[in-house]
Amino acid sequence: MARETILCYFCALTFCFLVRGRGACDTYNSTCDESALLQHDNSFRGRDGTWELPRDWKTSRDIANISAFEPITWGKIEDTDVVLNFFTAVPVFGQDGNYIALLHEMDDGLPLRYLQTGALSLFCSGPGGSHRTKVRGRGNETNAAYKIYFVFLCDWPEEDKHLERFEVSLEDGQGKQLGVVVAEQKNGLLQQYHTAACLRDVWPGVSGLRQLPQWIEFQLLHGIDHILFYTVNIDSEILVDLYEPYIKSGVVTRVHLHQEREGAGSIQDIVVGDCLYRFKNHANWLLPSVDIDEYIHVKDGNLFGGGEVPDDYLGSSWDAIVKKQGLQPNTVRSISFGRYRFQLAQPGQVELSSVLREPQPAELCPKYVVNPILCDCLHVHWCTSWKTGTENLGLGADTLIAHEFRNPPHSYAIEKHIEANATDTSMQQYIPGLSRSLAARFQEETTHLLSRLSSVERIPLKTSTLIHPERLESDTDKELQVADPTTAAWIRSFSKVKGIVNTDPPAEHALHSAI
């Protein structure tokens, strides 16, 4: 492919949530006017990293660069090869133990079962066979539905915690060398945080790229201490420019995924798993899957002393909720909450300026905050493997709910003739502060910044070789496309919760597919 065509693709490409936009690039004719996207009175200046093409971008806050691992043949069961396909490896040192976490798609879960039953043995060691130990497994201890991965744990000496690269050698019970998995970290990038967030890869959709800086800025303004964001091999120059002010201020850290996903897996599956283990010993609370079109809103000021919601509520709400229930933080593994679906704001306006929503909480899977120490495996919508004796709290819309700004309407809304015709101005109070903070961060009037970012157009699937086809398919209706009616009923029931209740995720069903 010609260099000019590649550069044009990058002009059009990059992140948000599987939706579409209009812009300044003509990918069909392979022409691109970058000035229409990048030129303004206060152009973004300075680059934290060095690169020729945006996909080669590297920064001082890159904690890991994860490439696809080679499959490892573990052994045979009834003349069938058992193959391990790990999708990430994360060093963990601290309160939760000292180990390397090797994450693997659940699929049929047979490798985990073979390990736990002793049908196959697996050992791990460091260079030269040092500190050889038996691998432990977690991921199938509960009956939670939609388990998307399990984890193999390789215990590691605490004195190696300063290292930035770990070569994990795997061997079977007879000492046969099977393969090596590499885990990376960068010391000093992650500190101790009360509340942190994970941010999956993003590319332009209906709203272009305008939602990205708004969401990051809002989180930092209201109590999120740090954000770990993920990029894949489709990042663009415009995306680089949006991230770099946050990188320079040290409030974000990056993991780069140099891999595509095949089959049923998705990039978000990698993100929720990898991010959980990155923050195992670095955060009290973690938002693993709140998307950039979702803004958490506390409705009940009585959670706090004085009856008013504090400015830092994204960090302080979780302890307040646990306290209100008379519980201790180390007994609550997660807190789940629903969503209102709002119309998108007009181009140039912050999303919070949109006040029309559906009358009732959406019949969608909840989002949640998790205590990283108490959960071992996550789904996008709930914890699937957790420490015994812990519980999940569910919140009603009268207590706390996320405002989701997305078009078009979900299939359930179309089928039930639900329209976004209810007026809700409850988050309008946050608009002035958000607008001022964005303008100061990017040295550009907020309306101009957001209008410009709204015009960024994605690359049509047929003209791009940089992205796996499934990543551009719409997931608008994915959450209710489940095989068992039990889970669908659970989702509808959760959308009607009031106050604060104890609740577990839906139970595993004999017939299910990942949400």
Protein backbone atom coordinates (compact mmCIF):
# COMPACT_ATOMS: atom_id res chain seq x y z
CA MET A 1 0.00 0.00 0.00
CA ALA A 2 1.35 3.42 -0.91
CA ARG A 3 2.59 5.63 1.92
CA GLU A 4 0.11 8.36 0.91
CA THR A 5 -2.79 5.94 1.24
CA ILE A 6 -1.63 4.77 4.67
CA LEU A 7 -1.31 8.33 5.89
CA CYS A 8 -4.79 9.09 4.62
CA TYR A 9 -6.19 6.09 6.46
CA PHE A 10 -4.62 7.30 9.69
CA CYS A 11 -6.12 10.73 9.10
CA ALA A 12 -9.56 9.13 9.20
CA LEU A 13 -9.06 6.37 11.75
CA THR A 14 -9.10 5.82 15.50
CA PHE A 15 -11.44 5.17 18.34
CA CYS A 16 -14.90 5.42 20.04
CA PHE A 17 -17.68 2.86 20.18
CA LEU A 18 -18.49 1.00 16.99
CA VAL A 19 -20.42 3.83 15.40
CA ARG A 20 -20.06 6.20 12.45
CA GLY A 21 -19.19 9.79 11.70
CA ARG A 22 -18.74 12.40 8.97
CA GLY A 23 -15.44 14.05 8.33
CA ALA A 24 -12.79 15.63 6.19
CA CYS A 25 -11.17 12.53 4.63
CA ASP A 26 -12.22 10.81 1.41
CA THR A 27 -10.99 7.27 1.96
CA TYR A 28 -12.71 5.96 -1.18
CA ASN A 29 -10.55 8.15 -3.40
CA SER A 30 -7.54 7.87 -1.06
CA THR A 31 -7.34 11.63 -0.59
CA CYS A 32 -7.05 13.37 2.71
CA ASP A 33 -7.04 16.98 3.86
CA GLU A 34 -5.34 16.84 7.25
CA SER A 35 -5.50 20.61 7.61
CA ALA A 36 -9.28 20.35 7.89
CA LEU A 37 -8.79 18.27 11.00
CA LEU A 38 -5.63 19.59 12.59
CA GLN A 39 -5.32 23.25 11.64
CA HIS A 40 -6.63 25.83 14.08
CA ASP A 41 -5.40 28.89 15.90
CA ASN A 42 -3.92 26.95 18.80
CA SER A 43 -2.57 23.78 17.17
CA PHE A 44 -1.53 20.94 19.44
CA ARG A 45 2.17 21.40 20.05
CA GLY A 46 4.86 19.06 21.24
CA ARG A 47 4.99 15.31 21.15
CA ASP A 48 5.85 13.28 24.23
CA GLY A 49 6.92 10.28 22.16
CA THR A 50 8.79 9.71 18.90
CA TRP A 51 7.37 8.03 15.80
CA GLU A 52 7.16 8.19 12.02
CA LEU A 53 3.69 6.73 11.66
CA PRO A 54 1.12 7.06 14.47
CA ARG A 55 0.98 3.30 14.98
CA ASP A 56 4.67 3.44 16.01
CA TRP A 57 3.98 6.04 18.72
CA LYS A 58 5.82 5.41 21.97
CA THR A 59 5.72 7.54 25.11
CA SER A 60 7.37 7.87 28.49
CA ARG A 61 4.22 6.44 30.11
CA ASP A 62 4.02 3.13 28.23
CA ILE A 63 3.78 0.41 30.86
CA ALA A 64 3.60 -2.54 28.43
CA ASN A 65 3.52 -3.42 24.75
CA ILE A 66 1.60 -6.66 24.30
CA SER A 67 1.99 -8.70 21.14
CA ALA A 68 0.10 -11.90 20.34
CA PHE A 69 1.62 -14.90 22.11
CA GLU A 70 2.55 -18.08 20.27
CA PRO A 71 0.20 -20.99 21.02
CA ILE A 72 1.68 -23.52 23.46
CA THR A 73 0.83 -27.21 23.14
CA TRP A 74 0.46 -28.44 26.71
CA GLY A 75 -0.25 -32.12 26.17
CA LYS A 76 -2.89 -34.55 24.93
CA ILE A 77 -6.23 -35.63 26.34
CA GLU A 78 -7.79 -38.57 24.51
CA ASP A 79 -5.46 -38.03 21.53
CA THR A 80 -6.50 -34.37 21.27
CA ASP A 81 -3.90 -31.62 21.68
CA VAL A 82 -4.54 -29.19 24.53
CA VAL A 83 -3.33 -25.80 23.35
CA LEU A 84 -2.80 -22.73 25.53
CA ASN A 85 -3.47 -19.31 23.94
CA PHE A 86 -2.70 -16.62 26.52
CA PHE A 87 -3.76 -13.11 25.51
CA THR A 88 -1.82 -11.14 28.12
CA ALA A 89 0.66 -11.61 30.95
CA VAL A 90 0.87 -9.18 33.89
CA PRO A 91 3.44 -8.99 36.74
CA VAL A 92 1.75 -8.53 40.13
CA PHE A 93 3.62 -7.72 43.35
CA GLY A 94 2.06 -6.64 46.64
CA GLN A 95 -0.85 -7.30 48.95
CA ASP A 96 -2.51 -9.79 46.59
CA GLY A 97 0.70 -11.82 46.33
CA ASN A 98 3.72 -11.95 44.05
CA TYR A 99 3.07 -13.68 40.77
CA ILE A 100 2.77 -13.40 37.01
CA ALA A 101 -0.86 -13.57 35.84
CA LEU A 102 -1.35 -15.40 32.54
CA LEU A 103 -4.82 -14.68 31.12
CA HIS A 104 -6.54 -17.09 28.74
CA GLU A 105 -9.90 -16.95 26.96
CA MET A 106 -12.45 -19.19 28.70
CA ASP A 107 -13.94 -20.87 25.62
CA ASP A 108 -14.89 -24.34 26.93
CA GLY A 109 -12.73 -23.89 30.04
CA LEU A 110 -11.08 -27.30 29.58
CA PRO A 111 -7.46 -26.19 30.20
CA LEU A 112 -8.46 -24.77 33.59
CA ARG A 113 -10.35 -27.94 34.42
CA TYR A 114 -7.38 -30.10 33.43
CA LEU A 115 -5.12 -28.07 35.69
CA GLN A 116 -7.47 -28.20 38.67
CA THR A 117 -8.22 -31.92 38.37
CA GLY A 118 -4.60 -32.90 37.75
CA ALA A 119 -5.37 -34.38 34.33
CA LEU A 120 -2.42 -32.30 33.12
CA SER A 121 0.32 -30.72 35.24
CA LEU A 122 1.87 -27.33 34.53
CA PHE A 123 4.93 -25.74 36.13
CA CYS A 124 6.55 -22.36 35.64
CA SER A 125 10.01 -20.97 36.32
CA GLY A 126 12.31 -18.07 35.66
CA PRO A 127 15.57 -18.00 33.68
CA GLY A 128 17.57 -21.22 33.94
CA GLY A 129 14.73 -23.03 35.70
CA SER A 130 14.93 -20.80 38.76
CA HIS A 131 12.11 -20.79 41.37
CA ARG A 132 10.20 -23.59 39.66
CA THR A 133 6.66 -23.76 41.01
CA LYS A 134 3.33 -25.35 40.20
CA VAL A 135 0.92 -23.12 38.30
CA ARG A 136 -2.35 -22.21 40.05
CA GLY A 137 -5.64 -21.51 38.28
CA ARG A 138 -8.65 -19.28 38.94
CA GLY A 139 -11.82 -18.53 37.01
CA ASN A 140 -14.53 -21.17 37.45
CA GLU A 141 -15.24 -20.97 41.20
CA THR A 142 -18.65 -19.32 40.85
CA ASN A 143 -21.81 -19.90 38.82
CA ALA A 144 -21.69 -16.39 37.32
CA ALA A 145 -22.77 -16.25 33.69
CA TYR A 146 -20.60 -15.25 30.75
CA LYS A 147 -17.12 -16.04 31.98
CA ILE A 148 -14.79 -14.69 29.31
CA TYR A 149 -11.39 -15.72 30.63
CA PHE A 150 -9.54 -17.65 33.31
CA VAL A 151 -6.14 -16.97 34.79
CA PHE A 152 -3.08 -19.12 35.47
CA LEU A 153 -0.91 -17.75 38.30
CA CYS A 154 2.84 -18.30 38.40
CA ASP A 155 4.27 -17.41 41.82
CA TRP A 156 7.38 -15.23 41.55
CA PRO A 157 10.04 -14.04 44.04
CA GLU A 158 9.25 -10.65 45.56
CA GLU A 159 12.88 -9.56 45.14
CA ASP A 160 12.31 -9.43 41.35
CA LYS A 161 9.58 -6.79 41.59
CA HIS A 162 11.95 -4.10 40.28
CA LEU A 163 12.39 -5.91 36.95
CA GLU A 164 10.58 -4.68 33.86
CA ARG A 165 10.63 -7.86 31.79
CA PHE A 166 9.80 -11.37 32.97
CA GLU A 167 10.35 -14.51 30.90
CA VAL A 168 8.02 -17.17 32.22
CA SER A 169 9.09 -20.69 31.16
CA LEU A 170 6.34 -23.30 31.16
CA GLU A 171 6.90 -27.05 31.40
CA ASP A 172 4.75 -30.10 31.94
CA GLY A 173 4.84 -32.50 34.88
CA GLN A 174 7.66 -34.50 33.30
CA GLY A 175 9.86 -31.43 32.94
CA LYS A 176 9.35 -31.01 29.20
CA GLN A 177 9.80 -27.41 28.09
CA LEU A 178 6.61 -26.14 26.49
CA GLY A 179 7.25 -22.47 25.76
CA VAL A 180 7.97 -19.02 27.15
CA VAL A 181 5.54 -16.17 27.88
CA VAL A 182 6.88 -12.63 28.37
CA ALA A 183 5.30 -10.18 30.84
CA GLU A 184 6.18 -6.47 30.95
CA GLN A 185 5.87 -3.60 33.40
CA LYS A 186 7.56 -0.25 33.93
CA ASN A 187 8.39 0.62 37.50
CA GLY A 188 7.20 3.89 38.94
CA LEU A 189 4.43 4.62 36.45
CA LEU A 190 1.58 3.35 38.63
CA GLN A 191 1.37 4.70 42.17
CA GLN A 192 -1.22 4.07 44.89
CA TYR A 193 -4.69 5.35 43.99
CA HIS A 194 -8.02 5.37 45.70
CA THR A 195 -10.02 5.10 42.46
CA ALA A 196 -8.72 4.41 38.97
CA ALA A 197 -10.30 3.69 35.59
CA CYS A 198 -9.56 1.59 32.51
CA LEU A 199 -10.16 3.04 29.05
CA ARG A 200 -10.43 0.73 26.07
CA ASP A 201 -9.30 1.54 22.52
CA VAL A 202 -11.24 4.24 20.70
CA TRP A 203 -11.99 5.13 17.09
CA PRO A 204 -14.27 7.71 15.42
CA GLY A 205 -17.99 7.03 15.44
CA VAL A 206 -21.20 9.05 15.22
CA SER A 207 -19.61 11.72 17.39
CA GLY A 208 -16.15 11.54 15.83
CA LEU A 209 -13.52 11.75 18.57
CA ARG A 210 -15.18 14.47 20.62
CA GLN A 211 -16.24 12.14 23.45
CA LEU A 212 -12.68 11.10 24.34
CA PRO A 213 -11.27 14.32 25.87
CA GLN A 214 -14.60 15.15 27.52
CA TRP A 215 -14.73 11.82 29.29
CA ILE A 216 -11.11 11.84 30.46
CA GLU A 217 -11.39 15.42 31.70
CA PHE A 218 -14.62 14.75 33.57
CA GLN A 219 -13.19 11.69 35.34
CA LEU A 220 -10.15 13.62 36.52
CA LEU A 221 -12.25 16.56 37.66
CA HIS A 222 -14.52 14.42 39.81
CA GLY A 223 -12.40 11.96 41.71
CA ILE A 224 -10.68 9.48 39.38
CA ASP A 225 -7.01 9.52 40.36
CA HIS A 226 -5.53 7.78 37.33
CA ILE A 227 -6.57 6.28 33.99
CA LEU A 228 -4.93 3.35 32.23
CA PHE A 229 -5.76 3.61 28.53
CA TYR A 230 -5.31 1.05 25.79
CA THR A 231 -4.41 1.50 22.15
CA VAL A 232 -4.23 -1.01 19.32
CA ASN A 233 -2.45 -0.97 15.98
CA ILE A 234 -4.91 1.51 14.47
CA ASP A 235 -4.10 4.69 16.41
CA SER A 236 -4.01 7.96 14.46
CA GLU A 237 -2.18 11.27 14.63
CA ILE A 238 -5.29 13.01 15.90
CA LEU A 239 -5.65 10.46 18.68
CA VAL A 240 -2.02 10.97 19.66
CA ASP A 241 -2.66 14.71 19.96
CA LEU A 242 -5.65 14.09 22.25
CA TYR A 243 -3.77 11.82 24.62
CA GLU A 244 -0.51 13.72 24.93
CA PRO A 245 -1.65 16.57 27.24
CA TYR A 246 -2.74 13.91 29.73
CA ILE A 247 0.47 11.92 29.31
CA LYS A 248 2.57 15.01 29.97
CA SER A 249 0.66 15.72 33.18
CA GLY A 250 1.17 12.14 34.37
CA VAL A 251 -2.53 11.40 34.96
CA VAL A 252 -2.72 8.56 32.43
CA THR A 253 -0.62 5.53 31.54
CA ARG A 254 -0.76 3.42 28.37
CA VAL A 255 -0.80 -0.24 27.41
CA HIS A 256 -0.37 -0.87 23.68
CA LEU A 257 -1.90 -4.01 22.18
CA HIS A 258 -0.10 -5.00 19.01
CA GLN A 259 -2.54 -7.73 18.10
CA GLU A 260 -5.87 -8.40 16.44
CA ARG A 261 -8.62 -10.52 17.91
CA GLU A 262 -10.07 -13.51 16.11
CA GLY A 263 -13.31 -15.35 16.77
CA ALA A 264 -15.61 -14.37 19.60
CA GLY A 265 -13.08 -12.45 21.64
CA SER A 266 -12.90 -8.67 21.68
CA ILE A 267 -10.39 -6.01 22.59
CA GLN A 268 -12.54 -5.10 25.60
CA ASP A 269 -12.11 -8.64 26.94
CA ILE A 270 -8.36 -8.00 27.00
CA VAL A 271 -8.78 -4.60 28.60
CA VAL A 272 -10.93 -5.65 31.56
CA GLY A 273 -8.61 -8.57 32.33
CA ASP A 274 -5.26 -6.88 31.82
CA CYS A 275 -6.34 -3.69 33.62
CA LEU A 276 -7.61 -5.61 36.65
CA TYR A 277 -4.21 -7.18 37.21
CA ARG A 278 -2.29 -3.95 36.48
CA PHE A 279 -4.20 -2.33 39.35
CA LYS A 280 -4.33 -5.34 41.71
CA ASN A 281 -2.07 -3.60 44.22
CA HIS A 282 -2.46 -0.01 43.04
CA ALA A 283 -6.13 0.94 43.54
CA ASN A 284 -8.86 0.52 46.16
CA TRP A 285 -11.57 0.82 43.52
CA LEU A 286 -11.44 0.38 39.76
CA LEU A 287 -13.87 1.24 36.95
CA PRO A 288 -12.95 -1.54 34.48
CA SER A 289 -15.40 -0.95 31.64
CA VAL A 290 -17.20 2.40 31.84
CA ASP A 291 -17.19 3.70 28.27
CA ILE A 292 -16.45 7.20 27.03
CA ASP A 293 -20.13 7.83 26.35
CA GLU A 294 -21.07 7.02 29.97
CA TYR A 295 -21.02 9.50 32.87
CA ILE A 296 -21.75 8.34 36.41
CA HIS A 297 -24.22 10.50 38.34
CA VAL A 298 -24.99 10.25 42.06
CA LYS A 299 -28.65 10.97 42.77
CA ASP A 300 -28.71 10.49 46.54
CA GLY A 301 -26.81 13.20 48.40
CA ASN A 302 -27.66 11.48 51.70
CA LEU A 303 -24.83 9.04 51.01
CA PHE A 304 -22.53 11.80 52.22
CA GLY A 305 -22.28 13.90 55.35
CA GLY A 306 -24.24 17.12 54.93
CA GLY A 307 -26.52 15.61 52.30
CA GLU A 308 -24.61 17.03 49.33
CA VAL A 309 -22.70 15.20 46.61
CA PRO A 310 -19.01 16.27 46.73
CA ASP A 311 -17.05 17.29 43.65
CA ASP A 312 -14.85 14.20 43.93
CA TYR A 313 -17.81 11.80 43.99
CA LEU A 314 -16.31 9.41 41.43
CA GLY A 315 -13.71 8.57 44.05
CA SER A 316 -15.60 9.01 47.31
CA SER A 317 -19.00 7.44 46.51
CA TRP A 318 -17.93 3.80 46.80
CA ASP A 319 -16.73 3.95 50.39
CA ALA A 320 -19.79 6.04 51.26
CA ILE A 321 -22.11 3.38 49.79
CA VAL A 322 -20.33 0.59 51.65
CA LYS A 323 -20.50 2.57 54.89
CA LYS A 324 -24.19 3.33 54.43
CA GLN A 325 -24.82 -0.41 54.29
CA GLY A 326 -22.85 -0.96 57.51
CA LEU A 327 -20.20 -3.00 55.68
CA GLN A 328 -16.41 -2.96 55.49
CA PRO A 329 -14.64 -2.21 52.17
CA ASN A 330 -12.82 -5.55 52.24
CA THR A 331 -16.16 -7.40 52.10
CA VAL A 332 -17.65 -5.68 49.03
CA ARG A 333 -16.09 -6.92 45.80
CA SER A 334 -18.10 -4.72 43.44
CA ILE A 335 -20.93 -2.20 43.12
CA SER A 336 -23.22 -2.34 40.08
CA PHE A 337 -25.36 0.42 38.57
CA GLY A 338 -27.66 0.88 35.59
CA ARG A 339 -27.83 3.35 32.74
CA TYR A 340 -30.13 5.98 31.27
CA ARG A 341 -29.89 6.30 27.50
CA PHE A 342 -29.60 9.93 26.33
CA GLN A 343 -29.59 11.44 22.87
CA LEU A 344 -26.23 12.67 21.66
CA ALA A 345 -25.46 16.35 22.11
CA GLN A 346 -25.15 18.62 19.09
CA PRO A 347 -21.68 18.96 17.49
CA GLY A 348 -19.60 21.48 19.40
CA GLN A 349 -21.48 20.92 22.65
CA VAL A 350 -20.34 18.80 25.58
CA GLU A 351 -22.35 15.59 25.91
CA LEU A 352 -23.78 16.68 29.26
CA SER A 353 -25.72 19.43 27.46
CA SER A 354 -28.07 16.79 26.05
CA VAL A 355 -31.10 16.61 28.35
CA LEU A 356 -33.43 14.19 26.51
CA ARG A 357 -33.36 10.58 27.66
CA GLU A 358 -35.54 7.50 27.77
CA PRO A 359 -38.06 7.69 30.66
CA GLN A 360 -36.80 4.57 32.48
CA PRO A 361 -33.38 3.00 33.09
CA ALA A 362 -32.31 1.01 30.04
CA GLU A 363 -32.84 -2.73 29.97
CA LEU A 364 -29.12 -3.25 29.54
CA CYS A 365 -26.46 -5.03 31.56
CA PRO A 366 -25.18 -2.86 34.43
CA LYS A 367 -21.74 -1.34 34.66
CA TYR A 368 -19.77 -1.52 37.90
CA VAL A 369 -16.83 -0.57 40.07
CA VAL A 370 -14.66 -3.34 41.47
CA ASN A 371 -12.30 -3.85 44.40
CA PRO A 372 -9.31 -5.32 42.49
CA ILE A 373 -8.05 -7.38 45.43
CA LEU A 374 -11.36 -9.22 45.79
CA CYS A 375 -11.96 -10.25 42.15
CA ASP A 376 -9.87 -12.56 40.00
CA CYS A 377 -11.79 -12.52 36.71
CA LEU A 378 -14.10 -9.94 35.16
CA HIS A 379 -16.74 -9.70 32.51
CA VAL A 380 -17.52 -6.31 30.97
CA HIS A 381 -20.61 -6.11 33.19
CA TRP A 382 -19.77 -7.98 36.40
CA CYS A 383 -17.14 -9.90 38.32
CA THR A 384 -17.13 -13.64 37.46
CA SER A 385 -14.55 -14.99 39.94
CA TRP A 386 -14.21 -13.57 43.43
CA LYS A 387 -12.94 -14.16 46.94
CA THR A 388 -15.25 -16.25 49.10
CA GLY A 389 -17.40 -14.31 51.54
CA THR A 390 -17.58 -11.09 49.51
CA GLU A 391 -20.65 -9.50 48.00
CA ASN A 392 -21.87 -7.25 45.22
CA LEU A 393 -24.13 -4.27 45.83
CA GLY A 394 -26.68 -3.18 43.24
CA LEU A 395 -27.77 0.45 43.00
CA GLY A 396 -31.10 1.79 41.85
CA ALA A 397 -31.53 4.84 39.64
CA ASP A 398 -32.60 6.79 42.72
CA THR A 399 -29.12 6.28 44.21
CA LEU A 400 -26.57 6.28 41.38
CA ILE A 401 -26.81 5.72 37.64
CA ALA A 402 -24.75 6.27 34.50
CA HIS A 403 -25.91 8.64 31.79
CA GLU A 404 -25.11 7.07 28.41
CA PHE A 405 -25.01 9.32 25.35
CA ARG A 406 -25.42 7.21 22.25
CA ASN A 407 -27.42 6.91 19.02
CA PRO A 408 -29.27 5.08 17.54
CA PRO A 409 -31.86 3.67 19.98
CA HIS A 410 -31.35 0.13 21.27
CA SER A 411 -33.52 -2.63 19.78
CA TYR A 412 -35.52 -3.01 23.02
CA ALA A 413 -36.48 0.68 22.78
CA ILE A 414 -37.59 0.29 19.17
CA GLU A 415 -39.60 -2.85 19.91
CA LYS A 416 -41.36 -1.22 22.88
CA HIS A 417 -41.72 2.18 21.17
CA ILE A 418 -39.59 3.87 23.85
CA GLU A 419 -38.42 7.35 22.89
CA ALA A 420 -35.91 9.71 24.46
CA ASN A 421 -38.58 12.21 25.46
CA ALA A 422 -37.93 12.69 29.19
CA THR A 423 -36.12 15.88 30.21
CA ASP A 424 -33.25 15.41 32.67
CA THR A 425 -31.05 18.40 33.55
CA SER A 426 -29.43 16.82 36.61
CA MET A 427 -25.86 16.95 35.23
CA GLN A 428 -26.06 20.45 33.75
CA GLN A 429 -24.28 21.80 36.82
CA TYR A 430 -21.03 20.17 35.66
CA ILE A 431 -20.91 21.78 32.21
CA PRO A 432 -19.14 25.08 33.05
CA GLY A 433 -16.33 23.41 34.95
CA LEU A 434 -15.84 20.76 32.26
CA SER A 435 -15.78 23.35 29.48
CA ARG A 436 -13.24 25.52 31.30
CA SER A 437 -11.00 22.56 32.07
CA LEU A 438 -11.02 21.34 28.45
CA ALA A 439 -10.20 24.81 27.15
CA ALA A 440 -7.30 25.13 29.57
CA ARG A 441 -5.98 21.66 28.74
CA PHE A 442 -6.00 22.06 24.95
CA GLN A 443 -5.57 25.84 24.71
CA GLU A 444 -8.58 26.04 22.44
CA GLU A 445 -12.19 27.11 22.88
CA THR A 446 -14.16 24.01 23.86
CA THR A 447 -16.90 24.44 21.25
CA HIS A 448 -14.26 24.76 18.52
CA LEU A 449 -12.35 21.73 19.78
CA LEU A 450 -15.44 19.53 19.93
CA SER A 451 -16.77 20.71 16.57
CA ARG A 452 -13.45 19.86 14.94
CA LEU A 453 -13.30 16.44 16.55
CA SER A 454 -16.91 15.71 15.56
CA SER A 455 -15.88 15.80 11.90
CA VAL A 456 -13.35 12.98 12.08
CA GLU A 457 -14.52 10.14 9.82
CA ARG A 458 -13.76 6.48 10.33
CA ILE A 459 -12.29 4.30 7.60
CA PRO A 460 -14.87 2.04 5.94
CA LEU A 461 -14.20 -1.63 6.65
CA LYS A 462 -13.55 -2.58 3.03
CA THR A 463 -10.83 0.03 2.60
CA SER A 464 -8.80 -0.87 5.68
CA THR A 465 -6.42 -3.72 6.32
CA LEU A 466 -5.46 -2.45 9.74
CA ILE A 467 -8.43 -3.70 11.71
CA HIS A 468 -10.11 -7.06 12.19
CA PRO A 469 -13.64 -7.05 10.65
CA GLU A 470 -15.48 -7.89 13.87
CA ARG A 471 -14.19 -4.74 15.54
CA LEU A 472 -16.19 -2.54 13.17
CA GLU A 473 -19.45 -4.42 13.56
CA SER A 474 -22.11 -2.61 15.55
CA ASP A 475 -22.64 -3.89 19.09
CA THR A 476 -25.77 -1.80 19.63
CA ASP A 477 -27.95 -4.82 20.40
CA LYS A 478 -25.28 -7.18 21.70
CA GLU A 479 -26.16 -7.00 25.38
CA LEU A 480 -29.56 -8.66 25.09
CA GLN A 481 -28.54 -11.21 22.47
CA VAL A 482 -28.25 -14.00 25.02
CA ALA A 483 -29.31 -17.57 24.57
CA ASP A 484 -31.03 -18.07 27.91
CA PRO A 485 -34.15 -16.24 29.08
CA THR A 486 -32.89 -16.31 32.68
CA THR A 487 -30.15 -13.79 31.97
CA ALA A 488 -32.45 -11.54 29.95
CA ALA A 489 -34.94 -11.59 32.85
CA TRP A 490 -32.13 -10.76 35.30
CA ILE A 491 -31.17 -7.73 33.18
CA ARG A 492 -34.75 -6.46 33.11
CA SER A 493 -35.08 -7.02 36.86
CA PHE A 494 -31.89 -5.11 37.65
CA SER A 495 -33.09 -2.10 35.66
CA LYS A 496 -35.95 -1.77 38.17
CA VAL A 497 -33.84 -1.91 41.38
CA LYS A 498 -34.47 0.80 43.99
CA GLY A 499 -32.03 2.00 46.64
CA ILE A 500 -29.12 -0.30 47.51
CA VAL A 501 -29.52 -4.08 47.39
CA ASN A 502 -27.35 -7.17 47.65
CA THR A 503 -27.24 -8.97 44.32
CA ASP A 504 -25.14 -11.54 42.49
CA PRO A 505 -24.66 -11.61 38.71
CA PRO A 506 -26.96 -13.84 36.65
CA ALA A 507 -26.30 -17.53 37.03
CA GLU A 508 -24.54 -19.54 34.38
CA HIS A 509 -26.85 -21.30 31.96
CA ALA A 510 -26.20 -24.43 29.95
CA LEU A 511 -26.76 -22.41 26.78
CA HIS A 512 -24.97 -19.07 26.69
CA SER A 513 -22.80 -16.87 24.53
CA ALA A 514 -20.71 -13.89 25.63
CA ILE A 515 -22.58 -10.61 25.89
